[in-house]
Amino acid sequence: MKKEFAQGATEYLLIFATVLIIVGAAVYYVSRPSGFPSISATFDVSDNEIRIKVDVGSIPDGEWAYSVSTAKGSYDWTTGNEVLDSPYVSLGTYLAGTYYVSLKHTNSNHIYFYDRAVAIT
């Protein structure tokens, strides 16, 4: 009888330990910092100049990167060398055509948006 009780107690302890590990992981996941700045950003075109418009928030220089590509799904990331903040940051001027614009936080690799098509006429 003692052996059966010991075996049952061990099983309950293992189940309890498993539940604690799962709950602990869930609490960590929910409460951990996001690891990337919270911003609200879009893009626009003005006189062949592609710009990232920032409505809310900012990202320090060297911590964000953009890609402007002529092929969807193709990325050539360039690190931003100025603070990304309101009202906008210029990504440069481009010839007429369709481009795909992407923006990410370099430290966390968080993608804010990618492959957003923009046509320059």
N, C-alpha and C. Protein backbone atom coordinates (compact mmCIF):
# COMPACT_ATOMS: atom_id res chain seq x y z
N MET A 1 0.81 -1.18 0.00
CA MET A 1 0.00 0.00 0.00
C MET A 1 0.86 1.26 0.00
N LYS A 2 1.97 1.24 0.79
CA LYS A 2 2.86 2.40 0.82
C LYS A 2 3.46 2.68 -0.54
N LYS A 3 3.82 1.63 -1.26
CA LYS A 3 4.43 1.79 -2.57
C LYS A 3 3.45 2.46 -3.55
N GLU A 4 2.19 2.05 -3.53
CA GLU A 4 1.18 2.65 -4.41
C GLU A 4 0.98 4.11 -4.07
N PHE A 5 0.95 4.45 -2.76
CA PHE A 5 0.78 5.83 -2.34
C PHE A 5 1.97 6.67 -2.80
N ALA A 6 3.17 6.16 -2.66
CA ALA A 6 4.37 6.89 -3.07
C ALA A 6 4.37 7.12 -4.57
N GLN A 7 3.96 6.10 -5.31
CA GLN A 7 3.90 6.25 -6.76
C GLN A 7 2.85 7.29 -7.15
N GLY A 8 1.69 7.29 -6.52
CA GLY A 8 0.64 8.27 -6.80
C GLY A 8 1.08 9.68 -6.45
N ALA A 9 1.76 9.83 -5.32
CA ALA A 9 2.26 11.14 -4.90
C ALA A 9 3.29 11.67 -5.88
N THR A 10 4.16 10.79 -6.36
CA THR A 10 5.17 11.19 -7.34
C THR A 10 4.52 11.66 -8.63
N GLU A 11 3.50 10.95 -9.08
CA GLU A 11 2.80 11.35 -10.30
C GLU A 11 2.15 12.72 -10.13
N TYR A 12 1.51 12.95 -8.97
CA TYR A 12 0.90 14.26 -8.72
C TYR A 12 1.93 15.37 -8.67
N LEU A 13 3.09 15.08 -8.08
CA LEU A 13 4.15 16.09 -8.03
C LEU A 13 4.67 16.41 -9.44
N LEU A 14 4.80 15.39 -10.29
CA LEU A 14 5.24 15.63 -11.66
C LEU A 14 4.20 16.46 -12.44
N ILE A 15 2.94 16.16 -12.24
CA ILE A 15 1.89 16.94 -12.90
C ILE A 15 1.92 18.37 -12.40
N PHE A 16 2.05 18.55 -11.09
CA PHE A 16 2.10 19.88 -10.49
C PHE A 16 3.30 20.66 -11.03
N ALA A 17 4.47 20.03 -11.11
CA ALA A 17 5.67 20.68 -11.64
C ALA A 17 5.47 21.09 -13.09
N THR A 18 4.85 20.23 -13.88
CA THR A 18 4.58 20.54 -15.29
C THR A 18 3.66 21.75 -15.41
N VAL A 19 2.61 21.77 -14.59
CA VAL A 19 1.68 22.91 -14.60
C VAL A 19 2.41 24.19 -14.22
N LEU A 20 3.27 24.14 -13.21
CA LEU A 20 4.03 25.33 -12.80
C LEU A 20 4.92 25.83 -13.93
N ILE A 21 5.56 24.93 -14.62
CA ILE A 21 6.43 25.32 -15.73
C ILE A 21 5.62 25.99 -16.83
N ILE A 22 4.48 25.42 -17.18
CA ILE A 22 3.63 25.99 -18.23
C ILE A 22 3.11 27.36 -17.82
N VAL A 23 2.64 27.48 -16.59
CA VAL A 23 2.13 28.78 -16.11
C VAL A 23 3.27 29.80 -16.07
N GLY A 24 4.43 29.40 -15.59
CA GLY A 24 5.57 30.31 -15.55
C GLY A 24 5.97 30.80 -16.94
N ALA A 25 5.98 29.90 -17.91
CA ALA A 25 6.31 30.29 -19.28
C ALA A 25 5.26 31.25 -19.84
N ALA A 26 3.99 30.99 -19.55
CA ALA A 26 2.93 31.87 -20.04
C ALA A 26 3.02 33.25 -19.41
N VAL A 27 3.30 33.32 -18.13
CA VAL A 27 3.45 34.62 -17.46
C VAL A 27 4.64 35.37 -18.03
N TYR A 28 5.75 34.69 -18.25
CA TYR A 28 6.92 35.34 -18.84
C TYR A 28 6.59 35.87 -20.23
N TYR A 29 5.93 35.07 -21.05
CA TYR A 29 5.62 35.47 -22.42
C TYR A 29 4.71 36.69 -22.44
N VAL A 30 3.72 36.73 -21.58
CA VAL A 30 2.76 37.84 -21.56
C VAL A 30 3.39 39.11 -20.98
N SER A 31 4.26 38.97 -19.99
CA SER A 31 4.78 40.14 -19.28
C SER A 31 6.11 40.65 -19.81
N ARG A 32 6.74 39.96 -20.72
CA ARG A 32 8.05 40.39 -21.21
C ARG A 32 7.90 41.65 -22.05
N PRO A 33 8.93 42.50 -22.07
CA PRO A 33 8.86 43.69 -22.91
C PRO A 33 8.87 43.29 -24.38
N SER A 34 8.27 44.13 -25.20
CA SER A 34 8.12 43.78 -26.62
C SER A 34 9.45 43.73 -27.34
N GLY A 35 10.44 44.51 -26.90
CA GLY A 35 11.75 44.45 -27.52
C GLY A 35 11.91 45.33 -28.74
N PHE A 36 10.87 46.06 -29.10
CA PHE A 36 10.97 46.98 -30.24
C PHE A 36 10.11 48.20 -29.96
N PRO A 37 10.52 49.35 -30.50
CA PRO A 37 9.75 50.57 -30.27
C PRO A 37 8.36 50.50 -30.92
N SER A 38 7.42 51.08 -30.24
CA SER A 38 6.06 51.15 -30.77
C SER A 38 5.92 52.43 -31.58
N ILE A 39 5.70 52.27 -32.89
CA ILE A 39 5.51 53.44 -33.74
C ILE A 39 4.32 53.21 -34.67
N SER A 40 3.81 54.30 -35.18
CA SER A 40 2.79 54.25 -36.22
C SER A 40 3.40 54.93 -37.44
N ALA A 41 3.67 54.15 -38.48
CA ALA A 41 4.36 54.68 -39.65
C ALA A 41 3.77 54.13 -40.94
N THR A 42 3.79 54.97 -41.96
CA THR A 42 3.38 54.59 -43.30
C THR A 42 4.43 55.16 -44.25
N PHE A 43 4.11 55.23 -45.52
CA PHE A 43 5.05 55.83 -46.46
C PHE A 43 4.25 56.61 -47.49
N ASP A 44 4.94 57.51 -48.18
CA ASP A 44 4.32 58.24 -49.28
C ASP A 44 5.38 58.62 -50.28
N VAL A 45 4.94 59.23 -51.37
CA VAL A 45 5.84 59.67 -52.42
C VAL A 45 5.56 61.14 -52.68
N SER A 46 6.62 61.92 -52.82
CA SER A 46 6.50 63.33 -53.15
C SER A 46 7.63 63.69 -54.11
N ASP A 47 7.28 64.04 -55.35
CA ASP A 47 8.29 64.40 -56.37
C ASP A 47 9.38 63.34 -56.50
N ASN A 48 8.98 62.09 -56.70
CA ASN A 48 9.88 60.94 -56.88
C ASN A 48 10.67 60.58 -55.62
N GLU A 49 10.35 61.19 -54.50
CA GLU A 49 11.02 60.90 -53.24
C GLU A 49 10.13 59.99 -52.40
N ILE A 50 10.67 58.82 -52.03
CA ILE A 50 9.95 57.91 -51.15
C ILE A 50 10.29 58.30 -49.72
N ARG A 51 9.23 58.45 -48.89
CA ARG A 51 9.43 58.89 -47.51
C ARG A 51 8.66 57.97 -46.56
N ILE A 52 9.25 57.74 -45.41
CA ILE A 52 8.52 57.06 -44.34
C ILE A 52 7.92 58.15 -43.46
N LYS A 53 6.60 58.12 -43.37
CA LYS A 53 5.88 59.08 -42.53
C LYS A 53 5.65 58.45 -41.16
N VAL A 54 6.00 59.19 -40.12
CA VAL A 54 5.83 58.69 -38.76
C VAL A 54 4.75 59.54 -38.09
N ASP A 55 3.68 58.89 -37.66
CA ASP A 55 2.60 59.59 -36.97
C ASP A 55 2.86 59.65 -35.47
N VAL A 56 3.28 58.52 -34.90
CA VAL A 56 3.49 58.43 -33.45
C VAL A 56 4.75 57.61 -33.20
N GLY A 57 5.57 58.06 -32.24
CA GLY A 57 6.75 57.31 -31.83
C GLY A 57 7.99 57.67 -32.62
N SER A 58 9.07 57.00 -32.31
CA SER A 58 10.34 57.21 -33.00
C SER A 58 11.25 56.01 -32.76
N ILE A 59 12.27 55.91 -33.61
CA ILE A 59 13.30 54.88 -33.47
C ILE A 59 14.65 55.57 -33.61
N PRO A 60 15.59 55.35 -32.68
CA PRO A 60 16.90 55.99 -32.77
C PRO A 60 17.66 55.60 -34.04
N ASP A 61 18.55 56.48 -34.45
CA ASP A 61 19.38 56.18 -35.62
C ASP A 61 20.19 54.92 -35.36
N GLY A 62 20.38 54.16 -36.42
CA GLY A 62 21.13 52.90 -36.32
C GLY A 62 20.30 51.72 -35.84
N GLU A 63 19.04 51.95 -35.41
CA GLU A 63 18.21 50.86 -34.91
C GLU A 63 17.05 50.52 -35.83
N TRP A 64 17.02 51.11 -37.01
CA TRP A 64 15.98 50.78 -37.96
C TRP A 64 16.61 50.64 -39.34
N ALA A 65 15.92 49.90 -40.19
CA ALA A 65 16.42 49.69 -41.55
C ALA A 65 15.24 49.66 -42.50
N TYR A 66 15.53 50.01 -43.73
CA TYR A 66 14.49 50.00 -44.76
C TYR A 66 15.02 49.29 -46.00
N SER A 67 14.09 48.86 -46.81
CA SER A 67 14.44 48.25 -48.08
C SER A 67 13.51 48.83 -49.14
N VAL A 68 14.08 49.28 -50.23
CA VAL A 68 13.31 49.72 -51.39
C VAL A 68 13.79 48.86 -52.55
N SER A 69 12.88 48.05 -53.08
CA SER A 69 13.26 47.07 -54.09
C SER A 69 12.28 47.12 -55.26
N THR A 70 12.75 46.71 -56.42
CA THR A 70 11.87 46.63 -57.59
C THR A 70 11.22 45.25 -57.71
N ALA A 71 11.62 44.33 -56.84
CA ALA A 71 11.06 42.97 -56.87
C ALA A 71 10.44 42.64 -55.51
N LYS A 72 9.18 42.27 -55.51
CA LYS A 72 8.50 41.89 -54.28
C LYS A 72 9.19 40.68 -53.66
N GLY A 73 9.44 40.75 -52.36
CA GLY A 73 10.09 39.65 -51.66
C GLY A 73 11.61 39.70 -51.70
N SER A 74 12.16 40.72 -52.34
CA SER A 74 13.61 40.88 -52.40
C SER A 74 13.99 42.07 -51.51
N TYR A 75 14.91 41.83 -50.57
CA TYR A 75 15.24 42.87 -49.60
C TYR A 75 16.73 43.18 -49.63
N ASP A 76 17.03 44.47 -49.66
CA ASP A 76 18.39 44.97 -49.54
C ASP A 76 18.33 46.02 -48.43
N TRP A 77 18.51 45.56 -47.19
CA TRP A 77 18.29 46.43 -46.04
C TRP A 77 19.38 47.49 -45.90
N THR A 78 18.95 48.72 -45.69
CA THR A 78 19.84 49.84 -45.45
C THR A 78 19.53 50.39 -44.06
N THR A 79 20.55 50.51 -43.22
CA THR A 79 20.34 51.01 -41.86
C THR A 79 20.11 52.51 -41.90
N GLY A 80 19.08 52.96 -41.18
CA GLY A 80 18.77 54.39 -41.11
C GLY A 80 19.82 55.12 -40.29
N ASN A 81 20.37 56.19 -40.84
CA ASN A 81 21.44 56.92 -40.16
C ASN A 81 20.95 58.22 -39.51
N GLU A 82 19.64 58.31 -39.32
CA GLU A 82 19.05 59.41 -38.57
C GLU A 82 17.87 58.88 -37.78
N VAL A 83 17.40 59.65 -36.82
CA VAL A 83 16.27 59.23 -36.01
C VAL A 83 15.03 59.14 -36.91
N LEU A 84 14.32 58.05 -36.79
CA LEU A 84 13.07 57.89 -37.53
C LEU A 84 11.96 58.47 -36.67
N ASP A 85 11.54 59.69 -37.00
CA ASP A 85 10.48 60.32 -36.23
C ASP A 85 9.66 61.26 -37.11
N SER A 86 8.66 61.87 -36.51
CA SER A 86 7.72 62.74 -37.22
C SER A 86 8.44 63.99 -37.74
N PRO A 87 8.06 64.52 -38.86
CA PRO A 87 6.95 64.09 -39.70
C PRO A 87 7.33 62.96 -40.67
N TYR A 88 8.56 62.96 -41.17
CA TYR A 88 8.97 61.90 -42.10
C TYR A 88 10.48 61.85 -42.22
N VAL A 89 10.96 60.75 -42.82
CA VAL A 89 12.37 60.57 -43.18
C VAL A 89 12.41 60.16 -44.64
N SER A 90 13.25 60.83 -45.40
CA SER A 90 13.39 60.53 -46.83
C SER A 90 14.25 59.29 -47.04
N LEU A 91 13.80 58.43 -47.95
CA LEU A 91 14.58 57.25 -48.34
C LEU A 91 15.32 57.49 -49.65
N GLY A 92 15.14 58.67 -50.22
CA GLY A 92 15.82 59.03 -51.46
C GLY A 92 14.85 59.19 -52.61
N THR A 93 15.39 59.62 -53.74
CA THR A 93 14.57 59.80 -54.94
C THR A 93 14.81 58.63 -55.89
N TYR A 94 13.75 58.28 -56.61
CA TYR A 94 13.79 57.10 -57.47
C TYR A 94 13.20 57.43 -58.84
N LEU A 95 13.63 56.69 -59.85
CA LEU A 95 13.10 56.83 -61.19
C LEU A 95 11.68 56.27 -61.25
N ALA A 96 10.98 56.58 -62.32
CA ALA A 96 9.62 56.07 -62.49
C ALA A 96 9.63 54.54 -62.45
N GLY A 97 8.63 53.97 -61.80
CA GLY A 97 8.50 52.52 -61.70
C GLY A 97 7.75 52.12 -60.46
N THR A 98 7.63 50.83 -60.24
CA THR A 98 6.98 50.31 -59.05
C THR A 98 8.05 49.80 -58.09
N TYR A 99 7.93 50.20 -56.84
CA TYR A 99 8.90 49.82 -55.82
C TYR A 99 8.16 49.18 -54.65
N TYR A 100 8.89 48.35 -53.92
CA TYR A 100 8.33 47.69 -52.74
C TYR A 100 9.13 48.16 -51.52
N VAL A 101 8.42 48.80 -50.60
CA VAL A 101 9.05 49.44 -49.44
C VAL A 101 8.82 48.58 -48.20
N SER A 102 9.87 48.42 -47.40
CA SER A 102 9.79 47.63 -46.16
C SER A 102 10.50 48.39 -45.04
N LEU A 103 10.05 48.17 -43.80
CA LEU A 103 10.64 48.84 -42.64
C LEU A 103 10.74 47.85 -41.49
N LYS A 104 11.91 47.83 -40.81
CA LYS A 104 12.08 46.94 -39.67
C LYS A 104 12.93 47.58 -38.59
N HIS A 105 12.81 47.04 -37.38
CA HIS A 105 13.65 47.41 -36.24
C HIS A 105 14.83 46.43 -36.26
N THR A 106 16.04 46.95 -36.36
CA THR A 106 17.20 46.07 -36.55
C THR A 106 17.56 45.24 -35.32
N ASN A 107 17.40 45.81 -34.13
CA ASN A 107 17.81 45.08 -32.92
C ASN A 107 16.95 43.84 -32.67
N SER A 108 15.66 43.93 -33.00
CA SER A 108 14.75 42.82 -32.74
C SER A 108 14.31 42.09 -34.02
N ASN A 109 14.64 42.66 -35.18
CA ASN A 109 14.17 42.16 -36.48
C ASN A 109 12.66 42.20 -36.62
N HIS A 110 12.01 43.07 -35.82
CA HIS A 110 10.57 43.24 -35.93
C HIS A 110 10.25 43.99 -37.23
N ILE A 111 9.37 43.43 -38.03
CA ILE A 111 8.96 44.06 -39.29
C ILE A 111 7.73 44.93 -39.02
N TYR A 112 7.83 46.21 -39.32
CA TYR A 112 6.68 47.10 -39.18
C TYR A 112 5.78 46.98 -40.41
N PHE A 113 6.38 46.95 -41.57
CA PHE A 113 5.65 46.62 -42.79
C PHE A 113 6.65 46.17 -43.84
N TYR A 114 6.17 45.38 -44.78
CA TYR A 114 7.07 44.91 -45.83
C TYR A 114 6.30 44.76 -47.15
N ASP A 115 7.03 44.91 -48.22
CA ASP A 115 6.50 44.76 -49.58
C ASP A 115 5.28 45.63 -49.85
N ARG A 116 5.30 46.87 -49.35
CA ARG A 116 4.23 47.81 -49.66
C ARG A 116 4.56 48.45 -51.01
N ALA A 117 3.69 48.22 -51.98
CA ALA A 117 3.93 48.72 -53.33
C ALA A 117 3.71 50.22 -53.42
N VAL A 118 4.58 50.89 -54.13
CA VAL A 118 4.44 52.32 -54.40
C VAL A 118 4.83 52.55 -55.86
N ALA A 119 4.00 53.31 -56.55
CA ALA A 119 4.28 53.59 -57.97
C ALA A 119 4.75 55.03 -58.10
N ILE A 120 5.86 55.20 -58.79
CA ILE A 120 6.37 56.54 -59.09
C ILE A 120 6.17 56.75 -60.57
N THR A 121 5.49 57.84 -60.90
CA THR A 121 5.19 58.12 -62.32
C THR A 121 6.01 59.27 -62.84
